[in-house]
Amino acid sequence: MITAILIASVIINIIFLLYSRWLIDIVKTKEDDMKSLSLMIEQYVDHVRSIHDMEMFYGDQTLGSLIEHGREIVSTIEGSDFLLSADDEDQIEIEEGAQE
């Protein structure tokens, strides 16, 4: 009886372990996708900035607004990290210590 319970427990634990690894892989994939999206938007903002800096378009308010909007999007995406890396956790601890 106890042997059956132990075997069932081991099987259930293995299933939960595999399920957890699968979930972690999904979260990592989503984080990589968000980083890729952020990079693409940064490149777009740089492209618009290069057009804005051309003599013909210098100071154009519409292009300036596009640049600012792109920067806001990038900062929003970068602020939505799914996983905290060790460096991020250290930075958070430093910031929390500075606020106290």
PDB file of N, CA and C in Angstrom:
ATOM      1  N   MET A   1       0.827  -1.194   0.000  1.00  0.00           N
ATOM      2  CA  MET A   1       0.000   0.000   0.000  1.00  0.00           C
ATOM      3  C   MET A   1       0.873   1.261   0.000  1.00  0.00           C
ATOM      4  N   ILE A   2       1.856   1.322   0.892  1.00  0.00           N
ATOM      5  CA  ILE A   2       2.735   2.489   0.962  1.00  0.00           C
ATOM      6  C   ILE A   2       3.581   2.584  -0.301  1.00  0.00           C
ATOM      7  N   THR A   3       3.984   1.445  -0.833  1.00  0.00           N
ATOM      8  CA  THR A   3       4.775   1.440  -2.060  1.00  0.00           C
ATOM      9  C   THR A   3       3.980   2.041  -3.216  1.00  0.00           C
ATOM     10  N   ALA A   4       2.718   1.706  -3.314  1.00  0.00           N
ATOM     11  CA  ALA A   4       1.863   2.249  -4.375  1.00  0.00           C
ATOM     12  C   ALA A   4       1.716   3.757  -4.231  1.00  0.00           C
ATOM     13  N   ILE A   5       1.574   4.237  -3.005  1.00  0.00           N
ATOM     14  CA  ILE A   5       1.444   5.670  -2.762  1.00  0.00           C
ATOM     15  C   ILE A   5       2.746   6.383  -3.127  1.00  0.00           C
ATOM     16  N   LEU A   6       3.880   5.796  -2.771  1.00  0.00           N
ATOM     17  CA  LEU A   6       5.171   6.396  -3.105  1.00  0.00           C
ATOM     18  C   LEU A   6       5.396   6.445  -4.616  1.00  0.00           C
ATOM     19  N   ILE A   7       5.038   5.368  -5.305  1.00  0.00           N
ATOM     20  CA  ILE A   7       5.179   5.341  -6.768  1.00  0.00           C
ATOM     21  C   ILE A   7       4.283   6.387  -7.407  1.00  0.00           C
ATOM     22  N   ALA A   8       3.039   6.486  -6.925  1.00  0.00           N
ATOM     23  CA  ALA A   8       2.110   7.497  -7.452  1.00  0.00           C
ATOM     24  C   ALA A   8       2.649   8.901  -7.191  1.00  0.00           C
ATOM     25  N   SER A   9       3.215   9.120  -6.008  1.00  0.00           N
ATOM     26  CA  SER A   9       3.782  10.421  -5.671  1.00  0.00           C
ATOM     27  C   SER A   9       4.956  10.772  -6.583  1.00  0.00           C
ATOM     28  N   VAL A  10       5.819   9.817  -6.848  1.00  0.00           N
ATOM     29  CA  VAL A  10       6.961  10.047  -7.731  1.00  0.00           C
ATOM     30  C   VAL A  10       6.477  10.377  -9.147  1.00  0.00           C
ATOM     31  N   ILE A  11       5.502   9.650  -9.626  1.00  0.00           N
ATOM     32  CA  ILE A  11       4.968   9.897 -10.978  1.00  0.00           C
ATOM     33  C   ILE A  11       4.347  11.290 -11.054  1.00  0.00           C
ATOM     34  N   ILE A  12       3.568  11.654 -10.041  1.00  0.00           N
ATOM     35  CA  ILE A  12       2.938  12.981 -10.033  1.00  0.00           C
ATOM     36  C   ILE A  12       4.000  14.078  -9.975  1.00  0.00           C
ATOM     37  N   ASN A  13       5.032  13.884  -9.170  1.00  0.00           N
ATOM     38  CA  ASN A  13       6.106  14.877  -9.089  1.00  0.00           C
ATOM     39  C   ASN A  13       6.846  15.026 -10.409  1.00  0.00           C
ATOM     40  N   ILE A  14       7.072  13.928 -11.094  1.00  0.00           N
ATOM     41  CA  ILE A  14       7.728  13.986 -12.403  1.00  0.00           C
ATOM     42  C   ILE A  14       6.854  14.746 -13.397  1.00  0.00           C
ATOM     43  N   ILE A  15       5.567  14.488 -13.368  1.00  0.00           N
ATOM     44  CA  ILE A  15       4.640  15.192 -14.269  1.00  0.00           C
ATOM     45  C   ILE A  15       4.668  16.693 -13.982  1.00  0.00           C
ATOM     46  N   PHE A  16       4.615  17.077 -12.699  1.00  0.00           N
ATOM     47  CA  PHE A  16       4.666  18.494 -12.351  1.00  0.00           C
ATOM     48  C   PHE A  16       6.002  19.128 -12.741  1.00  0.00           C
ATOM     49  N   LEU A  17       7.076  18.398 -12.617  1.00  0.00           N
ATOM     50  CA  LEU A  17       8.378  18.903 -13.017  1.00  0.00           C
ATOM     51  C   LEU A  17       8.419  19.166 -14.522  1.00  0.00           C
ATOM     52  N   LEU A  18       7.940  18.232 -15.311  1.00  0.00           N
ATOM     53  CA  LEU A  18       7.907  18.415 -16.765  1.00  0.00           C
ATOM     54  C   LEU A  18       6.984  19.564 -17.156  1.00  0.00           C
ATOM     55  N   TYR A  19       5.857  19.671 -16.484  1.00  0.00           N
ATOM     56  CA  TYR A  19       4.913  20.755 -16.756  1.00  0.00           C
ATOM     57  C   TYR A  19       5.546  22.111 -16.415  1.00  0.00           C
ATOM     58  N   SER A  20       6.259  22.183 -15.312  1.00  0.00           N
ATOM     59  CA  SER A  20       6.924  23.432 -14.914  1.00  0.00           C
ATOM     60  C   SER A  20       7.981  23.829 -15.932  1.00  0.00           C
ATOM     61  N   ARG A  21       8.764  22.875 -16.391  1.00  0.00           N
ATOM     62  CA  ARG A  21       9.770  23.168 -17.414  1.00  0.00           C
ATOM     63  C   ARG A  21       9.118  23.672 -18.692  1.00  0.00           C
ATOM     64  N   TRP A  22       7.990  23.083 -19.059  1.00  0.00           N
ATOM     65  CA  TRP A  22       7.263  23.506 -20.257  1.00  0.00           C
ATOM     66  C   TRP A  22       6.776  24.949 -20.093  1.00  0.00           C
ATOM     67  N   LEU A  23       6.233  25.283 -18.928  1.00  0.00           N
ATOM     68  CA  LEU A  23       5.773  26.648 -18.682  1.00  0.00           C
ATOM     69  C   LEU A  23       6.920  27.650 -18.707  1.00  0.00           C
ATOM     70  N   ILE A  24       8.054  27.280 -18.139  1.00  0.00           N
ATOM     71  CA  ILE A  24       9.220  28.165 -18.145  1.00  0.00           C
ATOM     72  C   ILE A  24       9.690  28.411 -19.572  1.00  0.00           C
ATOM     73  N   ASP A  25       9.692  27.389 -20.401  1.00  0.00           N
ATOM     74  CA  ASP A  25      10.071  27.550 -21.805  1.00  0.00           C
ATOM     75  C   ASP A  25       9.134  28.513 -22.524  1.00  0.00           C
ATOM     76  N   ILE A  26       7.848  28.430 -22.234  1.00  0.00           N
ATOM     77  CA  ILE A  26       6.880  29.339 -22.854  1.00  0.00           C
ATOM     78  C   ILE A  26       7.161  30.778 -22.436  1.00  0.00           C
ATOM     79  N   VAL A  27       7.400  30.997 -21.155  1.00  0.00           N
ATOM     80  CA  VAL A  27       7.668  32.346 -20.663  1.00  0.00           C
ATOM     81  C   VAL A  27       8.959  32.893 -21.271  1.00  0.00           C
ATOM     82  N   LYS A  28       9.989  32.076 -21.373  1.00  0.00           N
ATOM     83  CA  LYS A  28      11.242  32.516 -21.985  1.00  0.00           C
ATOM     84  C   LYS A  28      11.032  32.892 -23.450  1.00  0.00           C
ATOM     85  N   THR A  29      10.236  32.103 -24.149  1.00  0.00           N
ATOM     86  CA  THR A  29       9.949  32.402 -25.549  1.00  0.00           C
ATOM     87  C   THR A  29       9.224  33.726 -25.681  1.00  0.00           C
ATOM     88  N   LYS A  30       8.255  33.968 -24.812  1.00  0.00           N
ATOM     89  CA  LYS A  30       7.518  35.239 -24.844  1.00  0.00           C
ATOM     90  C   LYS A  30       8.444  36.408 -24.552  1.00  0.00           C
ATOM     91  N   GLU A  31       9.353  36.233 -23.601  1.00  0.00           N
ATOM     92  CA  GLU A  31      10.295  37.299 -23.271  1.00  0.00           C
ATOM     93  C   GLU A  31      11.216  37.578 -24.460  1.00  0.00           C
ATOM     94  N   ASP A  32      11.683  36.540 -25.130  1.00  0.00           N
ATOM     95  CA  ASP A  32      12.527  36.728 -26.315  1.00  0.00           C
ATOM     96  C   ASP A  32      11.762  37.459 -27.415  1.00  0.00           C
ATOM     97  N   ASP A  33      10.494  37.119 -27.582  1.00  0.00           N
ATOM     98  CA  ASP A  33       9.666  37.801 -28.576  1.00  0.00           C
ATOM     99  C   ASP A  33       9.516  39.282 -28.249  1.00  0.00           C
ATOM    100  N   MET A  34       9.331  39.589 -26.968  1.00  0.00           N
ATOM    101  CA  MET A  34       9.187  40.985 -26.558  1.00  0.00           C
ATOM    102  C   MET A  34      10.492  41.755 -26.777  1.00  0.00           C
ATOM    103  N   LYS A  35      11.619  41.123 -26.501  1.00  0.00           N
ATOM    104  CA  LYS A  35      12.905  41.779 -26.741  1.00  0.00           C
ATOM    105  C   LYS A  35      13.103  42.037 -28.228  1.00  0.00           C
ATOM    106  N   SER A  36      12.724  41.073 -29.056  1.00  0.00           N
ATOM    107  CA  SER A  36      12.838  41.231 -30.501  1.00  0.00           C
ATOM    108  C   SER A  36      11.945  42.371 -30.986  1.00  0.00           C
ATOM    109  N   LEU A  37      10.733  42.432 -30.477  1.00  0.00           N
ATOM    110  CA  LEU A  37       9.808  43.498 -30.840  1.00  0.00           C
ATOM    111  C   LEU A  37      10.355  44.854 -30.416  1.00  0.00           C
ATOM    112  N   SER A  38      10.907  44.917 -29.223  1.00  0.00           N
ATOM    113  CA  SER A  38      11.499  46.160 -28.728  1.00  0.00           C
ATOM    114  C   SER A  38      12.645  46.611 -29.633  1.00  0.00           C
ATOM    115  N   LEU A  39      13.478  45.683 -30.049  1.00  0.00           N
ATOM    116  CA  LEU A  39      14.592  46.005 -30.934  1.00  0.00           C
ATOM    117  C   LEU A  39      14.088  46.530 -32.278  1.00  0.00           C
ATOM    118  N   MET A  40      13.059  45.900 -32.818  1.00  0.00           N
ATOM    119  CA  MET A  40      12.496  46.356 -34.094  1.00  0.00           C
ATOM    120  C   MET A  40      11.953  47.773 -33.973  1.00  0.00           C
ATOM    121  N   ILE A  41      11.286  48.078 -32.881  1.00  0.00           N
ATOM    122  CA  ILE A  41      10.735  49.419 -32.706  1.00  0.00           C
ATOM    123  C   ILE A  41      11.858  50.438 -32.510  1.00  0.00           C
ATOM    124  N   GLU A  42      12.909  50.048 -31.787  1.00  0.00           N
ATOM    125  CA  GLU A  42      14.059  50.949 -31.639  1.00  0.00           C
ATOM    126  C   GLU A  42      14.669  51.263 -32.998  1.00  0.00           C
ATOM    127  N   GLN A  43      14.783  50.260 -33.861  1.00  0.00           N
ATOM    128  CA  GLN A  43      15.322  50.485 -35.200  1.00  0.00           C
ATOM    129  C   GLN A  43      14.410  51.407 -36.002  1.00  0.00           C
ATOM    130  N   TYR A  44      13.106  51.253 -35.841  1.00  0.00           N
ATOM    131  CA  TYR A  44      12.140  52.126 -36.518  1.00  0.00           C
ATOM    132  C   TYR A  44      12.295  53.566 -36.041  1.00  0.00           C
ATOM    133  N   VAL A  45      12.423  53.741 -34.724  1.00  0.00           N
ATOM    134  CA  VAL A  45      12.600  55.087 -34.171  1.00  0.00           C
ATOM    135  C   VAL A  45      13.885  55.708 -34.696  1.00  0.00           C
ATOM    136  N   ASP A  46      14.959  54.927 -34.769  1.00  0.00           N
ATOM    137  CA  ASP A  46      16.221  55.436 -35.313  1.00  0.00           C
ATOM    138  C   ASP A  46      16.059  55.851 -36.772  1.00  0.00           C
ATOM    139  N   HIS A  47      15.299  55.073 -37.527  1.00  0.00           N
ATOM    140  CA  HIS A  47      15.069  55.396 -38.934  1.00  0.00           C
ATOM    141  C   HIS A  47      14.280  56.704 -39.058  1.00  0.00           C
ATOM    142  N   VAL A  48      13.223  56.841 -38.278  1.00  0.00           N
ATOM    143  CA  VAL A  48      12.435  58.074 -38.311  1.00  0.00           C
ATOM    144  C   VAL A  48      13.291  59.251 -37.856  1.00  0.00           C
ATOM    145  N   ARG A  49      14.138  59.040 -36.839  1.00  0.00           N
ATOM    146  CA  ARG A  49      15.025  60.109 -36.371  1.00  0.00           C
ATOM    147  C   ARG A  49      15.977  60.527 -37.475  1.00  0.00           C
ATOM    148  N   SER A  50      16.493  59.562 -38.249  1.00  0.00           N
ATOM    149  CA  SER A  50      17.421  59.916 -39.335  1.00  0.00           C
ATOM    150  C   SER A  50      16.706  60.727 -40.409  1.00  0.00           C
ATOM    151  N   ILE A  51      15.446  60.420 -40.663  1.00  0.00           N
ATOM    152  CA  ILE A  51      14.670  61.214 -41.627  1.00  0.00           C
ATOM    153  C   ILE A  51      14.401  62.596 -41.048  1.00  0.00           C
ATOM    154  N   HIS A  52      14.068  62.650 -39.763  1.00  0.00           N
ATOM    155  CA  HIS A  52      13.778  63.914 -39.092  1.00  0.00           C
ATOM    156  C   HIS A  52      14.990  64.836 -39.115  1.00  0.00           C
ATOM    157  N   ASP A  53      16.188  64.263 -39.052  1.00  0.00           N
ATOM    158  CA  ASP A  53      17.408  65.066 -39.025  1.00  0.00           C
ATOM    159  C   ASP A  53      17.842  65.533 -40.411  1.00  0.00           C
ATOM    160  N   MET A  54      17.181  65.052 -41.448  1.00  0.00           N
ATOM    161  CA  MET A  54      17.516  65.512 -42.796  1.00  0.00           C
ATOM    162  C   MET A  54      17.120  66.989 -42.921  1.00  0.00           C
ATOM    163  N   GLU A  55      17.856  67.713 -43.730  1.00  0.00           N
ATOM    164  CA  GLU A  55      17.607  69.142 -43.890  1.00  0.00           C
ATOM    165  C   GLU A  55      16.185  69.427 -44.349  1.00  0.00           C
ATOM    166  N   MET A  56      15.677  68.575 -45.198  1.00  0.00           N
ATOM    167  CA  MET A  56      14.343  68.779 -45.764  1.00  0.00           C
ATOM    168  C   MET A  56      13.244  68.656 -44.705  1.00  0.00           C
ATOM    169  N   PHE A  57      13.441  67.755 -43.709  1.00  0.00           N
ATOM    170  CA  PHE A  57      12.406  67.482 -42.719  1.00  0.00           C
ATOM    171  C   PHE A  57      12.762  67.969 -41.319  1.00  0.00           C
ATOM    172  N   TYR A  58      13.897  68.648 -41.170  1.00  0.00           N
ATOM    173  CA  TYR A  58      14.374  69.014 -39.835  1.00  0.00           C
ATOM    174  C   TYR A  58      13.325  69.855 -39.103  1.00  0.00           C
ATOM    175  N   GLY A  59      12.984  69.416 -37.891  1.00  0.00           N
ATOM    176  CA  GLY A  59      12.039  70.155 -37.064  1.00  0.00           C
ATOM    177  C   GLY A  59      10.572  69.838 -37.333  1.00  0.00           C
ATOM    178  N   ASP A  60      10.307  68.890 -38.214  1.00  0.00           N
ATOM    179  CA  ASP A  60       8.913  68.538 -38.516  1.00  0.00           C
ATOM    180  C   ASP A  60       8.251  67.962 -37.263  1.00  0.00           C
ATOM    181  N   GLN A  61       7.128  68.538 -36.875  1.00  0.00           N
ATOM    182  CA  GLN A  61       6.460  68.121 -35.641  1.00  0.00           C
ATOM    183  C   GLN A  61       5.877  66.719 -35.743  1.00  0.00           C
ATOM    184  N   THR A  62       5.412  66.337 -36.912  1.00  0.00           N
ATOM    185  CA  THR A  62       4.834  65.005 -37.073  1.00  0.00           C
ATOM    186  C   THR A  62       5.899  63.935 -36.859  1.00  0.00           C
ATOM    187  N   LEU A  63       7.056  64.114 -37.452  1.00  0.00           N
ATOM    188  CA  LEU A  63       8.146  63.153 -37.254  1.00  0.00           C
ATOM    189  C   LEU A  63       8.626  63.167 -35.807  1.00  0.00           C
ATOM    190  N   GLY A  64       8.671  64.340 -35.195  1.00  0.00           N
ATOM    191  CA  GLY A  64       9.043  64.430 -33.785  1.00  0.00           C
ATOM    192  C   GLY A  64       8.071  63.664 -32.905  1.00  0.00           C
ATOM    193  N   SER A  65       6.788  63.745 -33.234  1.00  0.00           N
ATOM    194  CA  SER A  65       5.775  63.002 -32.475  1.00  0.00           C
ATOM    195  C   SER A  65       5.943  61.494 -32.672  1.00  0.00           C
ATOM    196  N   LEU A  66       6.268  61.076 -33.885  1.00  0.00           N
ATOM    197  CA  LEU A  66       6.510  59.647 -34.145  1.00  0.00           C
ATOM    198  C   LEU A  66       7.702  59.144 -33.341  1.00  0.00           C
ATOM    199  N   ILE A  67       8.737  59.948 -33.259  1.00  0.00           N
ATOM    200  CA  ILE A  67       9.918  59.553 -32.497  1.00  0.00           C
ATOM    201  C   ILE A  67       9.557  59.402 -31.027  1.00  0.00           C
ATOM    202  N   GLU A  68       8.848  60.368 -30.477  1.00  0.00           N
ATOM    203  CA  GLU A  68       8.465  60.309 -29.062  1.00  0.00           C
ATOM    204  C   GLU A  68       7.545  59.123 -28.785  1.00  0.00           C
ATOM    205  N   HIS A  69       6.602  58.877 -29.671  1.00  0.00           N
ATOM    206  CA  HIS A  69       5.683  57.744 -29.506  1.00  0.00           C
ATOM    207  C   HIS A  69       6.449  56.421 -29.537  1.00  0.00           C
ATOM    208  N   GLY A  70       7.401  56.315 -30.442  1.00  0.00           N
ATOM    209  CA  GLY A  70       8.221  55.102 -30.518  1.00  0.00           C
ATOM    210  C   GLY A  70       9.023  54.894 -29.246  1.00  0.00           C
ATOM    211  N   ARG A  71       9.569  55.965 -28.702  1.00  0.00           N
ATOM    212  CA  ARG A  71      10.322  55.859 -27.445  1.00  0.00           C
ATOM    213  C   ARG A  71       9.415  55.373 -26.310  1.00  0.00           C
ATOM    214  N   GLU A  72       8.193  55.885 -26.264  1.00  0.00           N
ATOM    215  CA  GLU A  72       7.249  55.462 -25.220  1.00  0.00           C
ATOM    216  C   GLU A  72       6.920  53.981 -25.354  1.00  0.00           C
ATOM    217  N   ILE A  73       6.739  53.514 -26.575  1.00  0.00           N
ATOM    218  CA  ILE A  73       6.431  52.104 -26.796  1.00  0.00           C
ATOM    219  C   ILE A  73       7.593  51.227 -26.350  1.00  0.00           C
ATOM    220  N   VAL A  74       8.797  51.631 -26.712  1.00  0.00           N
ATOM    221  CA  VAL A  74       9.986  50.855 -26.321  1.00  0.00           C
ATOM    222  C   VAL A  74      10.112  50.799 -24.804  1.00  0.00           C
ATOM    223  N   SER A  75       9.909  51.916 -24.127  1.00  0.00           N
ATOM    224  CA  SER A  75      10.024  51.907 -22.666  1.00  0.00           C
ATOM    225  C   SER A  75       8.934  51.066 -22.028  1.00  0.00           C
ATOM    226  N   THR A  76       7.743  51.042 -22.617  1.00  0.00           N
ATOM    227  CA  THR A  76       6.663  50.195 -22.096  1.00  0.00           C
ATOM    228  C   THR A  76       7.005  48.723 -22.263  1.00  0.00           C
ATOM    229  N   ILE A  77       7.521  48.359 -23.417  1.00  0.00           N
ATOM    230  CA  ILE A  77       7.893  46.961 -23.675  1.00  0.00           C
ATOM    231  C   ILE A  77       9.033  46.543 -22.754  1.00  0.00           C
ATOM    232  N   GLU A  78      10.023  47.400 -22.605  1.00  0.00           N
ATOM    233  CA  GLU A  78      11.152  47.055 -21.739  1.00  0.00           C
ATOM    234  C   GLU A  78      10.723  46.958 -20.278  1.00  0.00           C
ATOM    235  N   GLY A  79       9.687  47.671 -19.900  1.00  0.00           N
ATOM    236  CA  GLY A  79       9.200  47.625 -18.529  1.00  0.00           C
ATOM    237  C   GLY A  79       8.382  46.393 -18.220  1.00  0.00           C
ATOM    238  N   SER A  80       8.023  45.632 -19.236  1.00  0.00           N
ATOM    239  CA  SER A  80       7.184  44.451 -19.013  1.00  0.00           C
ATOM    240  C   SER A  80       7.996  43.171 -19.144  1.00  0.00           C
ATOM    241  N   ASP A  81       8.984  43.011 -18.280  1.00  0.00           N
ATOM    242  CA  ASP A  81       9.800  41.803 -18.272  1.00  0.00           C
ATOM    243  C   ASP A  81       9.018  40.654 -17.660  1.00  0.00           C
ATOM    244  N   PHE A  82       9.081  39.498 -18.285  1.00  0.00           N
ATOM    245  CA  PHE A  82       8.422  38.312 -17.756  1.00  0.00           C
ATOM    246  C   PHE A  82       9.283  37.648 -16.691  1.00  0.00           C
ATOM    247  N   LEU A  83      10.548  37.653 -16.904  1.00  0.00           N
ATOM    248  CA  LEU A  83      11.478  37.023 -15.966  1.00  0.00           C
ATOM    249  C   LEU A  83      12.502  38.052 -15.521  1.00  0.00           C
ATOM    250  N   LEU A  84      12.877  37.981 -14.275  1.00  0.00           N
ATOM    251  CA  LEU A  84      13.935  38.856 -13.781  1.00  0.00           C
ATOM    252  C   LEU A  84      15.249  38.106 -13.836  1.00  0.00           C
ATOM    253  N   SER A  85      16.212  38.686 -14.504  1.00  0.00           N
ATOM    254  CA  SER A  85      17.532  38.075 -14.508  1.00  0.00           C
ATOM    255  C   SER A  85      18.224  38.437 -13.197  1.00  0.00           C
ATOM    256  N   ALA A  86      19.336  37.823 -12.921  1.00  0.00           N
ATOM    257  CA  ALA A  86      20.059  38.086 -11.675  1.00  0.00           C
ATOM    258  C   ALA A  86      20.466  39.554 -11.592  1.00  0.00           C
ATOM    259  N   ASP A  87      20.859  40.146 -12.715  1.00  0.00           N
ATOM    260  CA  ASP A  87      21.246  41.556 -12.724  1.00  0.00           C
ATOM    261  C   ASP A  87      20.061  42.451 -12.380  1.00  0.00           C
ATOM    262  N   ASP A  88      18.883  42.114 -12.919  1.00  0.00           N
ATOM    263  CA  ASP A  88      17.681  42.894 -12.634  1.00  0.00           C
ATOM    264  C   ASP A  88      17.323  42.818 -11.159  1.00  0.00           C
ATOM    265  N   GLU A  89      17.437  41.625 -10.565  1.00  0.00           N
ATOM    266  CA  GLU A  89      17.107  41.466  -9.156  1.00  0.00           C
ATOM    267  C   GLU A  89      18.060  42.283  -8.288  1.00  0.00           C
ATOM    268  N   ASP A  90      19.356  42.285  -8.651  1.00  0.00           N
ATOM    269  CA  ASP A  90      20.333  43.076  -7.901  1.00  0.00           C
ATOM    270  C   ASP A  90      20.015  44.560  -8.013  1.00  0.00           C
ATOM    271  N   GLN A  91      19.625  45.009  -9.213  1.00  0.00           N
ATOM    272  CA  GLN A  91      19.295  46.414  -9.427  1.00  0.00           C
ATOM    273  C   GLN A  91      18.075  46.801  -8.604  1.00  0.00           C
ATOM    274  N   ILE A  92      17.075  45.927  -8.538  1.00  0.00           N
ATOM    275  CA  ILE A  92      15.877  46.209  -7.749  1.00  0.00           C
ATOM    276  C   ILE A  92      16.228  46.319  -6.281  1.00  0.00           C
ATOM    277  N   GLU A  93      17.075  45.423  -5.787  1.00  0.00           N
ATOM    278  CA  GLU A  93      17.485  45.466  -4.387  1.00  0.00           C
ATOM    279  C   GLU A  93      18.260  46.762  -4.102  1.00  0.00           C
ATOM    280  N   ILE A  94      19.099  47.193  -5.019  1.00  0.00           N
ATOM    281  CA  ILE A  94      19.845  48.435  -4.833  1.00  0.00           C
ATOM    282  C   ILE A  94      18.886  49.623  -4.791  1.00  0.00           C
ATOM    283  N   GLU A  95      17.919  49.649  -5.703  1.00  0.00           N
ATOM    284  CA  GLU A  95      16.960  50.749  -5.735  1.00  0.00           C
ATOM    285  C   GLU A  95      16.100  50.756  -4.481  1.00  0.00           C
ATOM    286  N   GLU A  96      15.677  49.594  -4.011  1.00  0.00           N
ATOM    287  CA  GLU A  96      14.874  49.530  -2.795  1.00  0.00           C
ATOM    288  C   GLU A  96      15.675  49.995  -1.590  1.00  0.00           C
ATOM    289  N   GLY A  97      16.952  49.635  -1.535  1.00  0.00           N
ATOM    290  CA  GLY A  97      17.819  50.066  -0.446  1.00  0.00           C
ATOM    291  C   GLY A  97      18.038  51.570  -0.477  1.00  0.00           C
ATOM    292  N   ALA A  98      18.096  52.154  -1.652  1.00  0.00           N
ATOM    293  CA  ALA A  98      18.311  53.600  -1.778  1.00  0.00           C
ATOM    294  C   ALA A  98      17.063  54.375  -1.360  1.00  0.00           C
ATOM    295  N   GLN A  99      15.882  53.793  -1.549  1.00  0.00           N
ATOM    296  CA  GLN A  99      14.638  54.466  -1.213  1.00  0.00           C
ATOM    297  C   GLN A  99      14.394  54.494   0.287  1.00  0.00           C
ATOM    298  N   GLU A 100      14.966  53.562   1.025  1.00  0.00           N
ATOM    299  CA  GLU A 100      14.744  53.485   2.470  1.00  0.00           C
ATOM    300  C   GLU A 100      15.531  54.474   3.225  1.00  0.00           C
TER     301      GLU A 100
END
